Amino acid sequence: MSDSLTTYDKLNEDIQFTEDETRELLKLNEKEILILILSELKKITADRN
């Protein structure tokens, strides 16, 4: 359990949005959010290779 909390804390530190960014993200629909997530995962995967 401790490991998962540590992982969450690390992710939480990495994911910081300004107030304006948060407002824009809240306006997105489900499809837009999924596309955003997939594009970020693609970037992470590309960086590792």
C-alpha atoms as a PDB file:
ATOM      1  CA  MET A   1       0.000   0.000   0.000  1.00  0.00           C
ATOM      2  CA  SER A   2       2.845   2.341   0.799  1.00  0.00           C
ATOM      3  CA  ASP A   3       4.300   1.892  -2.696  1.00  0.00           C
ATOM      4  CA  SER A   4       1.036   2.876  -4.355  1.00  0.00           C
ATOM      5  CA  LEU A   5       0.830   6.001  -2.197  1.00  0.00           C
ATOM      6  CA  THR A   6       4.397   6.919  -3.121  1.00  0.00           C
ATOM      7  CA  THR A   7       3.558   6.444  -6.809  1.00  0.00           C
ATOM      8  CA  TYR A   8       0.445   8.573  -6.420  1.00  0.00           C
ATOM      9  CA  ASP A   9       2.406  11.333  -4.656  1.00  0.00           C
ATOM     10  CA  LYS A  10       4.960  11.348  -7.493  1.00  0.00           C
ATOM     11  CA  LEU A  11       2.213  11.573 -10.127  1.00  0.00           C
ATOM     12  CA  ASN A  12       0.424  14.245  -8.155  1.00  0.00           C
ATOM     13  CA  GLU A  13       3.610  16.353  -8.047  1.00  0.00           C
ATOM     14  CA  ASP A  14       4.055  15.981 -11.811  1.00  0.00           C
ATOM     15  CA  ILE A  15       0.464  16.932 -12.618  1.00  0.00           C
ATOM     16  CA  GLN A  16       0.040  20.552 -11.597  1.00  0.00           C
ATOM     17  CA  PHE A  17      -2.312  22.910 -13.433  1.00  0.00           C
ATOM     18  CA  THR A  18      -2.908  26.610 -13.153  1.00  0.00           C
ATOM     19  CA  GLU A  19      -6.421  27.820 -12.396  1.00  0.00           C
ATOM     20  CA  ASP A  20      -6.961  28.757 -16.050  1.00  0.00           C
ATOM     21  CA  GLU A  21      -5.710  25.366 -17.259  1.00  0.00           C
ATOM     22  CA  THR A  22      -8.037  23.633 -14.814  1.00  0.00           C
ATOM     23  CA  ARG A  23     -11.026  25.607 -16.107  1.00  0.00           C
ATOM     24  CA  GLU A  24     -10.153  24.683 -19.700  1.00  0.00           C
ATOM     25  CA  LEU A  25      -9.759  21.005 -18.799  1.00  0.00           C
ATOM     26  CA  LEU A  26     -13.150  20.969 -17.093  1.00  0.00           C
ATOM     27  CA  LYS A  27     -14.760  22.165 -20.341  1.00  0.00           C
ATOM     28  CA  LEU A  28     -13.547  19.104 -22.272  1.00  0.00           C
ATOM     29  CA  ASN A  29     -15.905  16.280 -23.119  1.00  0.00           C
ATOM     30  CA  GLU A  30     -15.093  12.601 -22.548  1.00  0.00           C
ATOM     31  CA  LYS A  31     -13.713  11.996 -26.047  1.00  0.00           C
ATOM     32  CA  GLU A  32     -11.422  15.027 -25.832  1.00  0.00           C
ATOM     33  CA  ILE A  33     -10.131  13.885 -22.448  1.00  0.00           C
ATOM     34  CA  LEU A  34      -9.393  10.392 -23.774  1.00  0.00           C
ATOM     35  CA  ILE A  35      -7.519  11.840 -26.760  1.00  0.00           C
ATOM     36  CA  LEU A  36      -5.504  14.064 -24.427  1.00  0.00           C
ATOM     37  CA  ILE A  37      -4.598  11.095 -22.206  1.00  0.00           C
ATOM     38  CA  LEU A  38      -3.638   8.921 -25.174  1.00  0.00           C
ATOM     39  CA  SER A  39      -1.468  11.640 -26.693  1.00  0.00           C
ATOM     40  CA  GLU A  40       0.370  12.079 -23.375  1.00  0.00           C
ATOM     41  CA  LEU A  41       0.890   8.311 -23.104  1.00  0.00           C
ATOM     42  CA  LYS A  42       2.259   8.285 -26.638  1.00  0.00           C
ATOM     43  CA  LYS A  43       4.757  11.037 -25.713  1.00  0.00           C
ATOM     44  CA  ILE A  44       5.877   9.119 -22.618  1.00  0.00           C
ATOM     45  CA  THR A  45       6.317   5.934 -24.627  1.00  0.00           C
ATOM     46  CA  ALA A  46       8.292   7.778 -27.329  1.00  0.00           C
ATOM     47  CA  ASP A  47      10.565   9.365 -24.693  1.00  0.00           C
ATOM     48  CA  ARG A  48      11.396   5.938 -23.240  1.00  0.00           C
ATOM     49  CA  ASN A  49      12.392   4.492 -26.633  1.00  0.00           C
END
